[in-house]
Structure formats: C-alpha cells, structure tokens
PDB file of N, CA and C in Angstrom:
ATOM      1  N   MET A   1     -16.021  16.459 -43.041  1.00  0.00           N
ATOM      2  CA  MET A   1     -16.500  16.077 -41.941  1.00  0.00           C
ATOM      3  C   MET A   1     -15.281  14.759 -41.575  1.00  0.00           C
ATOM      4  N   ARG A   2     -14.268  14.411 -42.739  1.00  0.00           N
ATOM      5  CA  ARG A   2     -13.177  13.170 -42.269  1.00  0.00           C
ATOM      6  C   ARG A   2     -12.343  14.202 -41.295  1.00  0.00           C
ATOM      7  N   LYS A   3     -11.886  15.250 -41.468  1.00  0.00           N
ATOM      8  CA  LYS A   3     -10.939  15.851 -40.905  1.00  0.00           C
ATOM      9  C   LYS A   3     -11.030  16.134 -39.453  1.00  0.00           C
ATOM     10  N   ILE A   4     -12.656  16.178 -39.680  1.00  0.00           N
ATOM     11  CA  ILE A   4     -13.262  16.749 -37.994  1.00  0.00           C
ATOM     12  C   ILE A   4     -13.134  15.513 -37.020  1.00  0.00           C
ATOM     13  N   ILE A   5     -13.522  14.291 -37.509  1.00  0.00           N
ATOM     14  CA  ILE A   5     -13.615  13.285 -37.210  1.00  0.00           C
ATOM     15  C   ILE A   5     -11.884  12.701 -36.558  1.00  0.00           C
ATOM     16  N   LEU A   6     -10.788  12.685 -37.685  1.00  0.00           N
ATOM     17  CA  LEU A   6      -9.834  12.494 -37.130  1.00  0.00           C
ATOM     18  C   LEU A   6      -8.804  13.321 -35.991  1.00  0.00           C
ATOM     19  N   VAL A   7      -9.160  15.062 -36.017  1.00  0.00           N
ATOM     20  CA  VAL A   7      -9.331  15.575 -35.225  1.00  0.00           C
ATOM     21  C   VAL A   7      -9.518  15.027 -33.974  1.00  0.00           C
ATOM     22  N   VAL A   8     -10.620  14.820 -33.550  1.00  0.00           N
ATOM     23  CA  VAL A   8     -10.921  14.484 -32.847  1.00  0.00           C
ATOM     24  C   VAL A   8     -10.526  12.715 -31.975  1.00  0.00           C
ATOM     25  N   ILE A   9      -9.916  12.239 -32.736  1.00  0.00           N
ATOM     26  CA  ILE A   9      -9.646  10.785 -32.339  1.00  0.00           C
ATOM     27  C   ILE A   9      -8.053  11.171 -32.153  1.00  0.00           C
ATOM     28  N   ILE A  10      -7.566  11.892 -32.604  1.00  0.00           N
ATOM     29  CA  ILE A  10      -6.054  12.413 -32.279  1.00  0.00           C
ATOM     30  C   ILE A  10      -6.001  12.999 -31.071  1.00  0.00           C
ATOM     31  N   VAL A  11      -7.013  13.628 -30.844  1.00  0.00           N
ATOM     32  CA  VAL A  11      -6.898  14.419 -29.257  1.00  0.00           C
ATOM     33  C   VAL A  11      -7.454  13.415 -28.234  1.00  0.00           C
ATOM     34  N   ILE A  12      -8.552  12.593 -28.494  1.00  0.00           N
ATOM     35  CA  ILE A  12      -8.258  11.392 -27.686  1.00  0.00           C
ATOM     36  C   ILE A  12      -7.708  10.265 -27.323  1.00  0.00           C
ATOM     37  N   ILE A  13      -6.886   9.793 -28.048  1.00  0.00           N
ATOM     38  CA  ILE A  13      -5.215   9.867 -28.226  1.00  0.00           C
ATOM     39  C   ILE A  13      -4.260  10.235 -27.474  1.00  0.00           C
ATOM     40  N   THR A  14      -4.186  11.490 -27.778  1.00  0.00           N
ATOM     41  CA  THR A  14      -3.135  11.647 -26.826  1.00  0.00           C
ATOM     42  C   THR A  14      -3.493  12.045 -25.758  1.00  0.00           C
ATOM     43  N   GLY A  15      -4.458  12.570 -25.427  1.00  0.00           N
ATOM     44  CA  GLY A  15      -5.144  12.813 -24.035  1.00  0.00           C
ATOM     45  C   GLY A  15      -5.177  11.667 -23.219  1.00  0.00           C
ATOM     46  N   PHE A  16      -5.241  10.324 -23.659  1.00  0.00           N
ATOM     47  CA  PHE A  16      -5.464   9.116 -22.974  1.00  0.00           C
ATOM     48  C   PHE A  16      -3.465   8.728 -22.616  1.00  0.00           C
ATOM     49  N   ALA A  17      -2.881   9.354 -23.518  1.00  0.00           N
ATOM     50  CA  ALA A  17      -1.544   8.693 -23.814  1.00  0.00           C
ATOM     51  C   ALA A  17      -0.982   9.702 -22.442  1.00  0.00           C
ATOM     52  N   ILE A  18      -1.262  10.931 -22.454  1.00  0.00           N
ATOM     53  CA  ILE A  18      -0.877  11.599 -21.486  1.00  0.00           C
ATOM     54  C   ILE A  18      -1.291  11.261 -19.939  1.00  0.00           C
ATOM     55  N   PHE A  19      -2.317  10.995 -20.099  1.00  0.00           N
ATOM     56  CA  PHE A  19      -2.903  10.607 -19.025  1.00  0.00           C
ATOM     57  C   PHE A  19      -1.986   9.147 -18.217  1.00  0.00           C
ATOM     58  N   PHE A  20      -2.113   8.112 -19.419  1.00  0.00           N
ATOM     59  CA  PHE A  20      -1.297   7.096 -18.924  1.00  0.00           C
ATOM     60  C   PHE A  20      -0.124   7.247 -18.196  1.00  0.00           C
ATOM     61  N   TYR A  21       0.897   8.152 -18.954  1.00  0.00           N
ATOM     62  CA  TYR A  21       2.283   8.689 -18.678  1.00  0.00           C
ATOM     63  C   TYR A  21       2.341   9.305 -17.356  1.00  0.00           C
ATOM     64  N   TRP A  22       1.574  10.139 -16.865  1.00  0.00           N
ATOM     65  CA  TRP A  22       0.877  11.022 -15.897  1.00  0.00           C
ATOM     66  C   TRP A  22       0.560   9.939 -14.569  1.00  0.00           C
ATOM     67  N   LYS A  23       0.059   9.208 -15.045  1.00  0.00           N
ATOM     68  CA  LYS A  23      -0.692   8.030 -13.629  1.00  0.00           C
ATOM     69  C   LYS A  23       0.228   6.769 -13.767  1.00  0.00           C
ATOM     70  N   TYR A  24       1.253   6.005 -14.185  1.00  0.00           N
ATOM     71  CA  TYR A  24       2.503   5.153 -14.047  1.00  0.00           C
ATOM     72  C   TYR A  24       3.223   5.658 -14.538  1.00  0.00           C
ATOM     73  N   TYR A  25       3.651   6.923 -15.008  1.00  0.00           N
ATOM     74  CA  TYR A  25       5.383   6.712 -15.436  1.00  0.00           C
ATOM     75  C   TYR A  25       5.296   8.220 -15.018  1.00  0.00           C
ATOM     76  N   PHE A  26       5.036   9.316 -14.626  1.00  0.00           N
ATOM     77  CA  PHE A  26       5.683  10.213 -13.917  1.00  0.00           C
ATOM     78  C   PHE A  26       6.061  10.162 -12.136  1.00  0.00           C
ATOM     79  N   VAL A  27       7.028  10.466 -11.828  1.00  0.00           N
ATOM     80  CA  VAL A  27       7.542  10.520 -10.611  1.00  0.00           C
ATOM     81  C   VAL A  27       6.792  11.580  -9.704  1.00  0.00           C
ATOM     82  N   PHE A  28       5.992  11.634  -9.133  1.00  0.00           N
ATOM     83  CA  PHE A  28       5.173  12.660  -8.455  1.00  0.00           C
ATOM     84  C   PHE A  28       5.673  12.416  -7.012  1.00  0.00           C
ATOM     85  N   GLY A  29       6.821  11.704  -6.649  1.00  0.00           N
ATOM     86  CA  GLY A  29       7.213  12.413  -5.700  1.00  0.00           C
ATOM     87  C   GLY A  29       8.847  11.138  -5.164  1.00  0.00           C
ATOM     88  N   GLU A  30       9.949  12.184  -4.480  1.00  0.00           N
ATOM     89  CA  GLU A  30      10.921  11.206  -4.035  1.00  0.00           C
ATOM     90  C   GLU A  30      11.525  11.631  -2.846  1.00  0.00           C
ATOM     91  N   GLY A  31      11.838  10.621  -2.061  1.00  0.00           N
ATOM     92  CA  GLY A  31      12.792  11.035  -0.711  1.00  0.00           C
ATOM     93  C   GLY A  31      13.059   9.718  -0.127  1.00  0.00           C
ATOM     94  N   VAL A  32      14.320   9.915   1.536  1.00  0.00           N
ATOM     95  CA  VAL A  32      14.378   8.791   1.523  1.00  0.00           C
ATOM     96  C   VAL A  32      13.798   8.187   3.030  1.00  0.00           C
ATOM     97  N   LYS A  33      13.778   7.167   2.741  1.00  0.00           N
ATOM     98  CA  LYS A  33      12.824   6.545   4.313  1.00  0.00           C
ATOM     99  C   LYS A  33      14.207   5.649   4.901  1.00  0.00           C
ATOM    100  N   SER A  34      13.876   5.353   6.492  1.00  0.00           N
ATOM    101  CA  SER A  34      14.875   4.849   7.387  1.00  0.00           C
ATOM    102  C   SER A  34      14.001   4.050   7.990  1.00  0.00           C
ATOM    103  N   GLY A  35      14.868   2.851   8.313  1.00  0.00           N
ATOM    104  CA  GLY A  35      14.855   1.999   9.459  1.00  0.00           C
ATOM    105  C   GLY A  35      15.392   0.596   9.412  1.00  0.00           C
ATOM    106  N   HIS A  36      14.824  -0.507   9.845  1.00  0.00           N
ATOM    107  CA  HIS A  36      15.333  -1.589   9.682  1.00  0.00           C
ATOM    108  C   HIS A  36      14.566  -2.329   8.561  1.00  0.00           C
ATOM    109  N   LEU A  37      15.182  -2.730   8.270  1.00  0.00           N
ATOM    110  CA  LEU A  37      15.181  -3.872   6.698  1.00  0.00           C
ATOM    111  C   LEU A  37      14.131  -5.140   7.593  1.00  0.00           C
ATOM    112  N   ASN A  38      12.660  -5.149   7.188  1.00  0.00           N
ATOM    113  CA  ASN A  38      11.911  -6.732   7.474  1.00  0.00           C
ATOM    114  C   ASN A  38      12.443  -7.622   6.540  1.00  0.00           C
ATOM    115  N   TYR A  39      12.231  -7.030   5.064  1.00  0.00           N
ATOM    116  CA  TYR A  39      12.506  -8.554   4.304  1.00  0.00           C
ATOM    117  C   TYR A  39      12.118  -7.916   3.208  1.00  0.00           C
ATOM    118  N   VAL A  40      12.861  -8.364   2.365  1.00  0.00           N
ATOM    119  CA  VAL A  40      12.773  -8.331   0.635  1.00  0.00           C
ATOM    120  C   VAL A  40      12.110  -9.849   0.184  1.00  0.00           C
ATOM    121  N   VAL A  41      11.836 -10.052  -0.774  1.00  0.00           N
ATOM    122  CA  VAL A  41      11.171 -11.122  -1.365  1.00  0.00           C
ATOM    123  C   VAL A  41      10.713 -11.002  -2.976  1.00  0.00           C
ATOM    124  N   LEU A  42      10.752 -11.994  -3.462  1.00  0.00           N
ATOM    125  CA  LEU A  42      10.899 -12.254  -5.093  1.00  0.00           C
ATOM    126  C   LEU A  42       9.396 -12.740  -5.204  1.00  0.00           C
ATOM    127  N   LYS A  43       8.268 -12.322  -5.767  1.00  0.00           N
ATOM    128  CA  LYS A  43       7.372 -12.928  -6.004  1.00  0.00           C
ATOM    129  C   LYS A  43       5.977 -12.748  -7.156  1.00  0.00           C
ATOM    130  N   GLY A  44       4.973 -13.116  -7.392  1.00  0.00           N
ATOM    131  CA  GLY A  44       4.150 -12.420  -8.057  1.00  0.00           C
ATOM    132  C   GLY A  44       3.428 -13.724  -9.229  1.00  0.00           C
ATOM    133  N   ASP A  45       2.865 -13.400  -9.480  1.00  0.00           N
ATOM    134  CA  ASP A  45       1.988 -14.785 -10.307  1.00  0.00           C
ATOM    135  C   ASP A  45       2.403 -14.722 -12.053  1.00  0.00           C
ATOM    136  N   VAL A  46       2.200 -13.094 -13.028  1.00  0.00           N
ATOM    137  CA  VAL A  46       2.828 -13.343 -13.774  1.00  0.00           C
ATOM    138  C   VAL A  46       4.025 -12.705 -14.034  1.00  0.00           C
ATOM    139  N   TRP A  47       4.251 -11.696 -13.337  1.00  0.00           N
ATOM    140  CA  TRP A  47       5.597 -10.606 -13.244  1.00  0.00           C
ATOM    141  C   TRP A  47       5.993 -10.812 -11.675  1.00  0.00           C
ATOM    142  N   LYS A  48       7.421 -11.907 -11.934  1.00  0.00           N
ATOM    143  CA  LYS A  48       7.902 -11.808 -10.606  1.00  0.00           C
ATOM    144  C   LYS A  48       8.592 -10.182 -10.424  1.00  0.00           C
ATOM    145  N   THR A  49       8.269  -9.569  -9.296  1.00  0.00           N
ATOM    146  CA  THR A  49       8.961  -8.253  -8.626  1.00  0.00           C
ATOM    147  C   THR A  49       9.582  -8.792  -7.366  1.00  0.00           C
ATOM    148  N   TYR A  50      10.129  -7.746  -7.419  1.00  0.00           N
ATOM    149  CA  TYR A  50      11.132  -7.823  -5.680  1.00  0.00           C
ATOM    150  C   TYR A  50       9.928  -6.814  -4.549  1.00  0.00           C
ATOM    151  N   GLU A  51       9.883  -7.113  -3.705  1.00  0.00           N
ATOM    152  CA  GLU A  51       9.052  -6.567  -2.935  1.00  0.00           C
ATOM    153  C   GLU A  51       9.443  -6.360  -1.539  1.00  0.00           C
ATOM    154  N   GLY A  52       9.188  -5.070  -0.294  1.00  0.00           N
ATOM    155  CA  GLY A  52      10.253  -5.354   0.379  1.00  0.00           C
ATOM    156  C   GLY A  52       9.473  -4.433   1.473  1.00  0.00           C
ATOM    157  N   LYS A  53      10.057  -4.775   2.951  1.00  0.00           N
ATOM    158  CA  LYS A  53       8.903  -3.626   3.601  1.00  0.00           C
ATOM    159  C   LYS A  53      10.578  -3.375   5.062  1.00  0.00           C
ATOM    160  N   LEU A  54      10.341  -2.209   5.201  1.00  0.00           N
ATOM    161  CA  LEU A  54      11.225  -1.470   6.160  1.00  0.00           C
ATOM    162  C   LEU A  54      10.470  -0.695   7.332  1.00  0.00           C
ATOM    163  N   ILE A  55      11.100  -1.276   8.517  1.00  0.00           N
ATOM    164  CA  ILE A  55      10.421  -1.258   9.656  1.00  0.00           C
ATOM    165  C   ILE A  55      10.768   0.243  10.243  1.00  0.00           C
ATOM    166  N   GLN A  56      10.116   1.539  10.210  1.00  0.00           N
ATOM    167  CA  GLN A  56      10.431   2.926  10.663  1.00  0.00           C
ATOM    168  C   GLN A  56      10.800   3.277  12.528  1.00  0.00           C
ATOM    169  N   GLU A  57      11.426   3.768  12.957  1.00  0.00           N
ATOM    170  CA  GLU A  57      11.097   4.059  14.535  1.00  0.00           C
ATOM    171  C   GLU A  57      10.903   5.177  14.478  1.00  0.00           C
ATOM    172  N   GLY A  58      10.239   5.525  15.864  1.00  0.00           N
ATOM    173  CA  GLY A  58      10.008   6.818  16.279  1.00  0.00           C
ATOM    174  C   GLY A  58       8.768   6.426  16.982  1.00  0.00           C
ATOM    175  N   ILE A  59       8.185   7.888  17.166  1.00  0.00           N
ATOM    176  CA  ILE A  59       6.714   8.083  17.548  1.00  0.00           C
ATOM    177  C   ILE A  59       5.680   9.038  16.508  1.00  0.00           C
ATOM    178  N   ARG A  60       4.825   8.344  15.980  1.00  0.00           N
ATOM    179  CA  ARG A  60       4.255   9.036  15.531  1.00  0.00           C
ATOM    180  C   ARG A  60       2.570   9.475  16.310  1.00  0.00           C
ATOM    181  N   PRO A  61       2.244  10.768  15.721  1.00  0.00           N
ATOM    182  CA  PRO A  61       1.051  10.789  16.386  1.00  0.00           C
ATOM    183  C   PRO A  61      -0.132  10.678  16.011  1.00  0.00           C
ATOM    184  N   GLY A  62      -1.130  10.205  15.777  1.00  0.00           N
ATOM    185  CA  GLY A  62      -2.500   9.279  15.437  1.00  0.00           C
ATOM    186  C   GLY A  62      -2.059   8.329  14.911  1.00  0.00           C
ATOM    187  N   ILE A  63      -2.755   7.755  13.442  1.00  0.00           N
ATOM    188  CA  ILE A  63      -2.712   6.906  13.229  1.00  0.00           C
ATOM    189  C   ILE A  63      -1.768   6.327  11.973  1.00  0.00           C
ATOM    190  N   GLN A  64      -0.743   6.239  11.700  1.00  0.00           N
ATOM    191  CA  GLN A  64       0.129   6.388  10.977  1.00  0.00           C
ATOM    192  C   GLN A  64       0.893   5.014  11.016  1.00  0.00           C
ATOM    193  N   SER A  65       1.273   4.694  10.040  1.00  0.00           N
ATOM    194  CA  SER A  65       1.856   3.410  10.151  1.00  0.00           C
ATOM    195  C   SER A  65       3.732   3.767  10.252  1.00  0.00           C
ATOM    196  N   TYR A  66       4.110   2.812  10.811  1.00  0.00           N
ATOM    197  CA  TYR A  66       5.395   2.476  10.850  1.00  0.00           C
ATOM    198  C   TYR A  66       6.278   1.170   9.462  1.00  0.00           C
ATOM    199  N   GLU A  67       5.388   0.826   8.789  1.00  0.00           N
ATOM    200  CA  GLU A  67       6.145   0.069   7.918  1.00  0.00           C
ATOM    201  C   GLU A  67       6.249   1.082   6.522  1.00  0.00           C
ATOM    202  N   PHE A  68       7.157   0.940   6.212  1.00  0.00           N
ATOM    203  CA  PHE A  68       7.407   1.507   4.745  1.00  0.00           C
ATOM    204  C   PHE A  68       7.649   0.261   3.665  1.00  0.00           C
ATOM    205  N   GLU A  69       6.356  -0.160   2.801  1.00  0.00           N
ATOM    206  CA  GLU A  69       6.330  -1.166   1.770  1.00  0.00           C
ATOM    207  C   GLU A  69       6.526  -0.588   0.622  1.00  0.00           C
ATOM    208  N   PHE A  70       7.221  -1.193  -0.336  1.00  0.00           N
ATOM    209  CA  PHE A  70       7.632  -0.889  -1.462  1.00  0.00           C
ATOM    210  C   PHE A  70       8.236  -1.774  -2.363  1.00  0.00           C
ATOM    211  N   SER A  71       8.861  -1.098  -3.781  1.00  0.00           N
ATOM    212  CA  SER A  71       8.894  -2.251  -4.680  1.00  0.00           C
ATOM    213  C   SER A  71      10.571  -1.986  -5.303  1.00  0.00           C
ATOM    214  N   ILE A  72      11.214  -3.024  -5.754  1.00  0.00           N
ATOM    215  CA  ILE A  72      12.692  -2.868  -6.275  1.00  0.00           C
ATOM    216  C   ILE A  72      12.262  -3.510  -7.574  1.00  0.00           C
ATOM    217  N   VAL A  73      12.884  -2.572  -8.797  1.00  0.00           N
ATOM    218  CA  VAL A  73      13.415  -2.799  -9.861  1.00  0.00           C
ATOM    219  C   VAL A  73      14.482  -3.580 -10.527  1.00  0.00           C
ATOM    220  N   ARG A  74      15.458  -3.148  -9.844  1.00  0.00           N
ATOM    221  CA  ARG A  74      16.991  -3.310 -10.195  1.00  0.00           C
ATOM    222  C   ARG A  74      17.255  -4.697  -9.357  1.00  0.00           C
ATOM    223  N   LYS A  75      17.602  -5.960 -10.096  1.00  0.00           N
ATOM    224  CA  LYS A  75      17.601  -7.519  -8.812  1.00  0.00           C
ATOM    225  C   LYS A  75      18.772  -7.100  -8.223  1.00  0.00           C
ATOM    226  N   ASP A  76      19.964  -6.364  -9.051  1.00  0.00           N
ATOM    227  CA  ASP A  76      21.303  -6.446  -8.347  1.00  0.00           C
ATOM    228  C   ASP A  76      21.126  -5.432  -6.733  1.00  0.00           C
ATOM    229  N   LEU A  77      19.948  -4.404  -6.947  1.00  0.00           N
ATOM    230  CA  LEU A  77      19.648  -3.979  -5.598  1.00  0.00           C
ATOM    231  C   LEU A  77      18.882  -4.909  -4.369  1.00  0.00           C
ATOM    232  N   ALA A  78      17.890  -5.630  -5.117  1.00  0.00           N
ATOM    233  CA  ALA A  78      17.211  -6.648  -4.437  1.00  0.00           C
ATOM    234  C   ALA A  78      17.934  -7.528  -3.471  1.00  0.00           C
ATOM    235  N   GLU A  79      19.393  -7.915  -4.258  1.00  0.00           N
ATOM    236  CA  GLU A  79      20.290  -9.193  -3.816  1.00  0.00           C
ATOM    237  C   GLU A  79      21.121  -8.378  -2.790  1.00  0.00           C
ATOM    238  N   LYS A  80      21.374  -7.029  -2.926  1.00  0.00           N
ATOM    239  CA  LYS A  80      22.604  -6.265  -2.229  1.00  0.00           C
ATOM    240  C   LYS A  80      21.265  -6.507  -0.170  1.00  0.00           C
ATOM    241  N   LEU A  81      20.114  -6.117  -0.725  1.00  0.00           N
ATOM    242  CA  LEU A  81      19.515  -6.000   0.584  1.00  0.00           C
ATOM    243  C   LEU A  81      18.943  -6.842   1.179  1.00  0.00           C
ATOM    244  N   MET A  82      18.589  -8.261   0.280  1.00  0.00           N
ATOM    245  CA  MET A  82      18.014  -9.516   0.358  1.00  0.00           C
ATOM    246  C   MET A  82      19.102  -9.943   1.931  1.00  0.00           C
ATOM    247  N   ALA A  83      21.203  -9.938   1.295  1.00  0.00           N
ATOM    248  CA  ALA A  83      21.454  -9.830   1.406  1.00  0.00           C
ATOM    249  C   ALA A  83      21.967  -9.442   3.163  1.00  0.00           C
ATOM    250  N   ASN A  84      21.246  -8.625   3.132  1.00  0.00           N
ATOM    251  CA  ASN A  84      21.314  -7.684   4.747  1.00  0.00           C
ATOM    252  C   ASN A  84      20.331  -7.326   5.208  1.00  0.00           C
ATOM    253  N   SER A  85      19.525  -8.346   5.139  1.00  0.00           N
ATOM    254  CA  SER A  85      17.676  -8.089   5.922  1.00  0.00           C
ATOM    255  C   SER A  85      18.238  -8.272   7.563  1.00  0.00           C
ATOM    256  N   GLY A  86      17.609  -6.953   8.057  1.00  0.00           N
ATOM    257  CA  GLY A  86      17.638  -6.752   9.449  1.00  0.00           C
ATOM    258  C   GLY A  86      18.467  -5.497   9.904  1.00  0.00           C
ATOM    259  N   LYS A  87      19.396  -5.277   9.300  1.00  0.00           N
ATOM    260  CA  LYS A  87      20.110  -3.590   8.952  1.00  0.00           C
ATOM    261  C   LYS A  87      19.615  -2.728   9.142  1.00  0.00           C
ATOM    262  N   ILE A  88      19.877  -1.570   9.611  1.00  0.00           N
ATOM    263  CA  ILE A  88      19.041  -0.408   9.103  1.00  0.00           C
ATOM    264  C   ILE A  88      19.559   0.145   8.163  1.00  0.00           C
ATOM    265  N   PHE A  89      18.846   0.580   6.852  1.00  0.00           N
ATOM    266  CA  PHE A  89      19.022   1.499   5.600  1.00  0.00           C
ATOM    267  C   PHE A  89      18.270   2.655   5.750  1.00  0.00           C
ATOM    268  N   ASP A  90      19.071   3.810   4.853  1.00  0.00           N
ATOM    269  CA  ASP A  90      18.570   4.846   4.754  1.00  0.00           C
ATOM    270  C   ASP A  90      18.198   4.487   2.801  1.00  0.00           C
ATOM    271  N   LEU A  91      16.666   4.253   2.403  1.00  0.00           N
ATOM    272  CA  LEU A  91      16.515   3.724   0.843  1.00  0.00           C
ATOM    273  C   LEU A  91      16.069   5.112   0.365  1.00  0.00           C
ATOM    274  N   HIS A  92      16.447   5.451  -0.837  1.00  0.00           N
ATOM    275  CA  HIS A  92      15.914   6.640  -1.585  1.00  0.00           C
ATOM    276  C   HIS A  92      14.929   5.677  -2.817  1.00  0.00           C
ATOM    277  N   TYR A  93      13.640   6.693  -2.782  1.00  0.00           N
ATOM    278  CA  TYR A  93      12.608   5.802  -3.304  1.00  0.00           C
ATOM    279  C   TYR A  93      11.848   6.863  -4.321  1.00  0.00           C
ATOM    280  N   ASN A  94      11.195   6.368  -5.536  1.00  0.00           N
ATOM    281  CA  ASN A  94      10.002   7.258  -6.246  1.00  0.00           C
ATOM    282  C   ASN A  94       8.586   7.237  -6.072  1.00  0.00           C
ATOM    283  N   GLU A  95       8.275   8.108  -5.614  1.00  0.00           N
ATOM    284  CA  GLU A  95       6.540   7.782  -5.415  1.00  0.00           C
ATOM    285  C   GLU A  95       5.709   8.175  -6.573  1.00  0.00           C
ATOM    286  N   TYR A  96       4.922   6.907  -7.742  1.00  0.00           N
ATOM    287  CA  TYR A  96       3.999   7.606  -8.566  1.00  0.00           C
ATOM    288  C   TYR A  96       2.875   7.377  -8.469  1.00  0.00           C
ATOM    289  N   HIS A  97       1.783   7.677  -9.015  1.00  0.00           N
ATOM    290  CA  HIS A  97       0.715   7.917  -8.456  1.00  0.00           C
ATOM    291  C   HIS A  97       0.271   6.209  -8.941  1.00  0.00           C
ATOM    292  N   GLY A  98       0.362   5.611 -10.038  1.00  0.00           N
ATOM    293  CA  GLY A  98      -0.411   4.029  -9.911  1.00  0.00           C
ATOM    294  C   GLY A  98       0.836   3.404  -9.874  1.00  0.00           C
ATOM    295  N   VAL A  99       0.441   2.330 -10.185  1.00  0.00           N
ATOM    296  CA  VAL A  99       0.830   0.625  -9.836  1.00  0.00           C
ATOM    297  C   VAL A  99       0.691   0.367 -11.643  1.00  0.00           C
ATOM    298  N   VAL A 100       2.040  -0.521 -11.822  1.00  0.00           N
ATOM    299  CA  VAL A 100       1.897  -1.285 -13.190  1.00  0.00           C
ATOM    300  C   VAL A 100       2.301  -2.770 -12.837  1.00  0.00           C
ATOM    301  N   PRO A 101       1.896  -3.740 -13.147  1.00  0.00           N
ATOM    302  CA  PRO A 101       2.134  -4.844 -12.451  1.00  0.00           C
ATOM    303  C   PRO A 101       3.940  -5.179 -13.030  1.00  0.00           C
ATOM    304  N   TRP A 102       4.176  -5.051 -13.794  1.00  0.00           N
ATOM    305  CA  TRP A 102       5.683  -5.301 -14.201  1.00  0.00           C
ATOM    306  C   TRP A 102       6.794  -4.479 -13.521  1.00  0.00           C
ATOM    307  N   ARG A 103       6.052  -3.590 -12.804  1.00  0.00           N
ATOM    308  CA  ARG A 103       7.136  -2.857 -12.120  1.00  0.00           C
ATOM    309  C   ARG A 103       7.145  -3.288 -10.465  1.00  0.00           C
ATOM    310  N   GLY A 104       6.024  -3.495 -10.154  1.00  0.00           N
ATOM    311  CA  GLY A 104       6.112  -4.053  -8.480  1.00  0.00           C
ATOM    312  C   GLY A 104       4.304  -3.822  -8.170  1.00  0.00           C
ATOM    313  N   ASN A 105       4.289  -4.250  -6.778  1.00  0.00           N
ATOM    314  CA  ASN A 105       2.683  -3.881  -6.217  1.00  0.00           C
ATOM    315  C   ASN A 105       2.379  -2.743  -5.503  1.00  0.00           C
ATOM    316  N   THR A 106       3.528  -1.766  -5.345  1.00  0.00           N
ATOM    317  CA  THR A 106       3.278  -0.983  -4.629  1.00  0.00           C
ATOM    318  C   THR A 106       3.751   0.558  -5.608  1.00  0.00           C
ATOM    319  N   ARG A 107       3.239   1.902  -4.974  1.00  0.00           N
ATOM    320  CA  ARG A 107       3.747   2.913  -6.045  1.00  0.00           C
ATOM    321  C   ARG A 107       5.154   3.317  -5.373  1.00  0.00           C
ATOM    322  N   TYR A 108       5.458   2.813  -4.452  1.00  0.00           N
ATOM    323  CA  TYR A 108       7.242   3.182  -4.089  1.00  0.00           C
ATOM    324  C   TYR A 108       7.932   2.246  -4.552  1.00  0.00           C
ATOM    325  N   ILE A 109       9.084   2.792  -5.306  1.00  0.00           N
ATOM    326  CA  ILE A 109      10.168   2.090  -6.195  1.00  0.00           C
ATOM    327  C   ILE A 109      11.747   2.566  -5.288  1.00  0.00           C
ATOM    328  N   VAL A 110      11.774   1.380  -4.304  1.00  0.00           N
ATOM    329  CA  VAL A 110      13.734   2.023  -4.173  1.00  0.00           C
ATOM    330  C   VAL A 110      13.901   1.798  -5.749  1.00  0.00           C
ATOM    331  N   ASP A 111      15.161   2.880  -5.179  1.00  0.00           N
ATOM    332  CA  ASP A 111      16.303   2.878  -6.523  1.00  0.00           C
ATOM    333  C   ASP A 111      17.533   3.041  -6.013  1.00  0.00           C
ATOM    334  N   SER A 112      18.147   3.295  -5.141  1.00  0.00           N
ATOM    335  CA  SER A 112      19.073   3.126  -4.473  1.00  0.00           C
ATOM    336  C   SER A 112      19.373   3.280  -2.755  1.00  0.00           C
ATOM    337  N   ILE A 113      20.647   2.834  -2.446  1.00  0.00           N
ATOM    338  CA  ILE A 113      20.679   2.450  -0.883  1.00  0.00           C
ATOM    339  C   ILE A 113      21.628   3.565  -0.783  1.00  0.00           C
ATOM    340  N   VAL A 114      21.326   4.867   0.311  1.00  0.00           N
ATOM    341  CA  VAL A 114      22.105   5.875   0.600  1.00  0.00           C
ATOM    342  C   VAL A 114      23.065   5.832   1.418  1.00  0.00           C
ATOM    343  N   SER A 115      22.517   4.674   2.564  1.00  0.00           N
ATOM    344  CA  SER A 115      23.427   4.733   3.318  1.00  0.00           C
ATOM    345  C   SER A 115      22.456   3.043   4.134  1.00  0.00           C
ATOM    346  N   MET A 116      23.956   2.376   4.892  1.00  0.00           N
ATOM    347  CA  MET A 116      23.552   0.623   5.697  1.00  0.00           C
ATOM    348  C   MET A 116      24.899   0.885   6.645  1.00  0.00           C
ATOM    349  N   LYS A 117      23.535   0.671   7.842  1.00  0.00           N
ATOM    350  CA  LYS A 117      24.115   0.232   9.320  1.00  0.00           C
ATOM    351  C   LYS A 117      24.327  -0.979   9.798  1.00  0.00           C
TER     352      LYS A 117
END
C-alpha cells in the first residue's frame, strides 16, 4: 500500500512540474515585431521589471491592436531601448503561455534588437 501511495505522489508531483514548466517556461512562439518604440519603463511593487510598448504601423481589418506591449529581462537591452525611444525598431521576442512576476507583466519577452532605424 505504501508503494502505491508513493507512486501516486511521485506522479502528481511530476505532473505538476511538467505543467508548471509548460505554462511558465516553455517558449510557445517567437517572432519579430516592428514599429515605433513608444516607451520603456522600470516598474513593479515587489519585482522591478522593464516594460515597453511598440506602436505598429499598417492597416488591420477588424478589431486588432496596433500596440505591442512587452517585457524585457536584460537590463542592458532595456537601457539601450530607453536611450532610443521614438525610433523604429524590429524586436525579437519569445511568447510564453503564462506570466511570472519576476520576468515581467506580459507573456511577450523581448530578447534582442534585430534592427534600429
């Protein structure tokens, strides 16, 4: 009976760990967004994270936003973006299923600058 209980506990813990990894650390998608950098700010109550907004150009049918809100983990990248606010950027990002507070307030994490104009 103890072996069965131990196996059930191990299966539950393993299942929880796999779900947690999939929800918060598995890269669901990645891509590049282009537009004018509106702002990058450092904010947060407990964990200070860099948050930014990119205003995209173009005509979109239906109800779609022209704004791309993202988080930045690397301080050097955030400082470079802050120094060049208002310029046109192509930003590479990773998309996750969920948000963890120490990584930022959005599911989109910018990890590099592809180009800046």
